[in-house]
Amino acid sequence: MLGGRTGCADVFKRGAFAWENKASGKNLDAALKQPLSYSLALSNPPILVVCDRLTIRIHTQFTGHPSETHTL
């Protein structure tokens, strides 16, 4: 529960990754705000993925390495 609201990742493995699915054509930049908002509760996974069923964006943030975004 964050800010009086509950939320959850569509798929996650604590400390490993969080994946947020959206409908086709949705704004993936806006979608990324969701897993970012609860990443602390998921033990700061180094991989955040957002997907609109047409595009997959993988955001990496491994300790000691620069953050990167990979689009498929």
N, C-alpha and C. Protein backbone atom coordinates (compact mmCIF):
# COMPACT_ATOMS: atom_id res chain seq x y z
N MET A 1 0.85 -1.17 0.00
CA MET A 1 0.00 0.00 0.00
C MET A 1 0.89 1.23 0.00
N LEU A 2 0.68 2.10 -0.95
CA LEU A 2 1.48 3.31 -1.08
C LEU A 2 0.56 4.51 -1.19
N GLY A 3 0.74 5.51 -0.33
CA GLY A 3 -0.07 6.71 -0.42
C GLY A 3 -1.56 6.43 -0.29
N GLY A 4 -1.93 5.43 0.50
CA GLY A 4 -3.32 5.10 0.68
C GLY A 4 -3.92 4.25 -0.42
N ARG A 5 -3.10 3.90 -1.42
CA ARG A 5 -3.57 3.07 -2.54
C ARG A 5 -2.82 1.76 -2.55
N THR A 6 -3.49 0.73 -3.00
CA THR A 6 -2.81 -0.55 -3.14
C THR A 6 -2.45 -0.75 -4.60
N GLY A 7 -1.42 -1.51 -4.85
CA GLY A 7 -1.01 -1.78 -6.22
C GLY A 7 -0.06 -2.97 -6.22
N CYS A 8 0.11 -3.54 -7.38
CA CYS A 8 1.04 -4.66 -7.46
C CYS A 8 1.54 -4.79 -8.89
N ALA A 9 2.69 -5.38 -9.03
CA ALA A 9 3.25 -5.65 -10.35
C ALA A 9 2.47 -6.81 -10.97
N ASP A 10 2.38 -6.82 -12.29
CA ASP A 10 1.70 -7.92 -12.96
C ASP A 10 2.47 -9.22 -12.74
N VAL A 11 3.79 -9.15 -12.84
CA VAL A 11 4.66 -10.30 -12.58
C VAL A 11 5.90 -9.77 -11.89
N PHE A 12 6.39 -10.45 -10.88
CA PHE A 12 7.64 -10.03 -10.25
C PHE A 12 8.30 -11.19 -9.53
N LYS A 13 9.60 -11.03 -9.35
CA LYS A 13 10.37 -11.91 -8.48
C LYS A 13 11.17 -10.97 -7.59
N ARG A 14 10.90 -11.05 -6.30
CA ARG A 14 11.50 -10.12 -5.34
C ARG A 14 13.02 -10.03 -5.54
N GLY A 15 13.50 -8.79 -5.69
CA GLY A 15 14.92 -8.54 -5.84
C GLY A 15 15.48 -8.85 -7.22
N ALA A 16 14.63 -9.34 -8.15
CA ALA A 16 15.12 -9.74 -9.48
C ALA A 16 14.51 -8.87 -10.59
N PHE A 17 13.17 -8.87 -10.71
CA PHE A 17 12.53 -8.09 -11.77
C PHE A 17 11.08 -7.79 -11.42
N ALA A 18 10.53 -6.78 -12.09
CA ALA A 18 9.10 -6.47 -12.04
C ALA A 18 8.66 -6.21 -13.48
N TRP A 19 7.48 -6.70 -13.84
CA TRP A 19 6.97 -6.60 -15.21
C TRP A 19 5.56 -6.02 -15.16
N GLU A 20 5.35 -4.96 -15.91
CA GLU A 20 4.05 -4.30 -15.97
C GLU A 20 3.51 -4.38 -17.39
N ASN A 21 2.35 -5.01 -17.56
CA ASN A 21 1.69 -5.13 -18.86
C ASN A 21 0.63 -4.05 -19.01
N LYS A 22 0.53 -3.51 -20.21
CA LYS A 22 -0.50 -2.53 -20.54
C LYS A 22 -1.16 -2.95 -21.85
N ALA A 23 -2.29 -2.35 -22.16
CA ALA A 23 -2.97 -2.62 -23.43
C ALA A 23 -2.17 -2.02 -24.58
N SER A 24 -2.37 -2.55 -25.76
CA SER A 24 -1.66 -2.07 -26.96
C SER A 24 -1.82 -0.56 -27.13
N GLY A 25 -0.71 0.09 -27.43
CA GLY A 25 -0.73 1.52 -27.69
C GLY A 25 -0.65 2.41 -26.46
N LYS A 26 -0.60 1.84 -25.27
CA LYS A 26 -0.50 2.66 -24.05
C LYS A 26 0.89 3.28 -23.94
N ASN A 27 1.00 4.37 -23.21
CA ASN A 27 2.24 5.10 -23.01
C ASN A 27 3.15 4.31 -22.06
N LEU A 28 4.25 3.80 -22.58
CA LEU A 28 5.15 2.99 -21.76
C LEU A 28 5.96 3.82 -20.78
N ASP A 29 6.18 5.10 -21.08
CA ASP A 29 6.86 5.97 -20.11
C ASP A 29 5.99 6.14 -18.87
N ALA A 30 4.71 6.34 -19.08
CA ALA A 30 3.78 6.45 -17.95
C ALA A 30 3.66 5.11 -17.22
N ALA A 31 3.68 4.01 -17.98
CA ALA A 31 3.57 2.68 -17.38
C ALA A 31 4.76 2.38 -16.46
N LEU A 32 5.93 2.91 -16.79
CA LEU A 32 7.13 2.67 -15.98
C LEU A 32 6.99 3.27 -14.58
N LYS A 33 6.18 4.30 -14.45
CA LYS A 33 6.00 4.93 -13.12
C LYS A 33 5.41 3.95 -12.12
N GLN A 34 4.59 3.00 -12.58
CA GLN A 34 4.00 2.04 -11.65
C GLN A 34 5.05 1.16 -10.97
N PRO A 35 5.85 0.40 -11.71
CA PRO A 35 6.83 -0.43 -11.00
C PRO A 35 7.87 0.40 -10.25
N LEU A 36 8.17 1.60 -10.73
CA LEU A 36 9.09 2.46 -9.98
C LEU A 36 8.50 2.84 -8.62
N SER A 37 7.19 3.04 -8.57
CA SER A 37 6.55 3.47 -7.33
C SER A 37 6.56 2.39 -6.25
N TYR A 38 6.60 1.13 -6.62
CA TYR A 38 6.64 0.08 -5.60
C TYR A 38 7.89 -0.78 -5.67
N SER A 39 8.94 -0.29 -6.33
CA SER A 39 10.17 -1.09 -6.43
C SER A 39 10.82 -1.31 -5.06
N LEU A 40 10.73 -0.35 -4.15
CA LEU A 40 11.30 -0.55 -2.82
C LEU A 40 10.63 -1.71 -2.11
N ALA A 41 9.32 -1.83 -2.26
CA ALA A 41 8.59 -2.93 -1.62
C ALA A 41 8.96 -4.28 -2.22
N LEU A 42 9.53 -4.27 -3.43
CA LEU A 42 9.94 -5.50 -4.10
C LEU A 42 11.45 -5.72 -4.00
N SER A 43 12.09 -5.07 -3.03
CA SER A 43 13.54 -5.18 -2.79
C SER A 43 14.37 -4.65 -3.95
N ASN A 44 13.91 -3.56 -4.57
CA ASN A 44 14.64 -2.87 -5.65
C ASN A 44 15.14 -3.81 -6.73
N PRO A 45 14.24 -4.40 -7.50
CA PRO A 45 14.69 -5.29 -8.57
C PRO A 45 15.54 -4.53 -9.59
N PRO A 46 16.63 -5.12 -10.07
CA PRO A 46 17.51 -4.44 -11.02
C PRO A 46 16.94 -4.38 -12.44
N ILE A 47 15.84 -5.10 -12.68
CA ILE A 47 15.23 -5.11 -14.00
C ILE A 47 13.75 -4.75 -13.86
N LEU A 48 13.34 -3.69 -14.59
CA LEU A 48 11.94 -3.30 -14.66
C LEU A 48 11.53 -3.39 -16.13
N VAL A 49 10.44 -4.10 -16.38
CA VAL A 49 9.97 -4.31 -17.75
C VAL A 49 8.57 -3.73 -17.88
N VAL A 50 8.35 -3.00 -18.97
CA VAL A 50 7.01 -2.53 -19.31
C VAL A 50 6.70 -3.00 -20.72
N CYS A 51 5.45 -3.35 -20.95
CA CYS A 51 5.07 -3.95 -22.24
C CYS A 51 3.66 -3.51 -22.59
N ASP A 52 3.44 -3.21 -23.88
CA ASP A 52 2.09 -2.91 -24.35
C ASP A 52 1.62 -3.96 -25.36
N ARG A 53 2.18 -5.12 -25.30
CA ARG A 53 1.89 -6.27 -26.16
C ARG A 53 2.42 -6.10 -27.57
N LEU A 54 2.91 -4.93 -27.91
CA LEU A 54 3.57 -4.69 -29.20
C LEU A 54 5.04 -4.38 -28.99
N THR A 55 5.34 -3.71 -27.90
CA THR A 55 6.70 -3.28 -27.57
C THR A 55 7.02 -3.72 -26.16
N ILE A 56 8.23 -4.20 -25.97
CA ILE A 56 8.73 -4.55 -24.63
C ILE A 56 9.92 -3.65 -24.36
N ARG A 57 9.89 -2.94 -23.23
CA ARG A 57 11.03 -2.12 -22.81
C ARG A 57 11.59 -2.69 -21.52
N ILE A 58 12.88 -2.97 -21.55
CA ILE A 58 13.58 -3.53 -20.41
C ILE A 58 14.51 -2.46 -19.86
N HIS A 59 14.26 -2.06 -18.62
CA HIS A 59 15.07 -1.03 -17.96
C HIS A 59 15.95 -1.73 -16.94
N THR A 60 17.28 -1.63 -17.13
CA THR A 60 18.20 -2.28 -16.20
C THR A 60 18.85 -1.23 -15.31
N GLN A 61 19.09 -1.61 -14.07
CA GLN A 61 19.75 -0.74 -13.09
C GLN A 61 20.57 -1.60 -12.14
N PHE A 62 21.59 -2.25 -12.70
CA PHE A 62 22.45 -3.11 -11.90
C PHE A 62 23.47 -2.27 -11.13
N THR A 63 23.74 -2.62 -9.91
CA THR A 63 24.70 -1.92 -9.07
C THR A 63 26.06 -1.86 -9.75
N GLY A 64 26.63 -0.65 -9.81
CA GLY A 64 27.95 -0.48 -10.39
C GLY A 64 27.94 -0.33 -11.90
N HIS A 65 26.76 -0.30 -12.51
CA HIS A 65 26.66 -0.16 -13.97
C HIS A 65 25.64 0.93 -14.29
N PRO A 66 25.84 1.62 -15.41
CA PRO A 66 24.86 2.65 -15.78
C PRO A 66 23.50 2.01 -16.13
N SER A 67 22.44 2.75 -15.88
CA SER A 67 21.11 2.28 -16.26
C SER A 67 21.01 2.24 -17.77
N GLU A 68 20.31 1.23 -18.29
CA GLU A 68 20.13 1.09 -19.73
C GLU A 68 18.68 0.73 -20.01
N THR A 69 18.22 1.08 -21.22
CA THR A 69 16.90 0.69 -21.69
C THR A 69 17.06 -0.05 -23.00
N HIS A 70 16.43 -1.22 -23.07
CA HIS A 70 16.47 -2.06 -24.27
C HIS A 70 15.04 -2.21 -24.76
N THR A 71 14.81 -1.95 -26.04
CA THR A 71 13.47 -2.03 -26.60
C THR A 71 13.40 -3.17 -27.61
N LEU A 72 12.38 -3.99 -27.46
CA LEU A 72 12.14 -5.11 -28.38
C LEU A 72 10.80 -4.89 -29.06
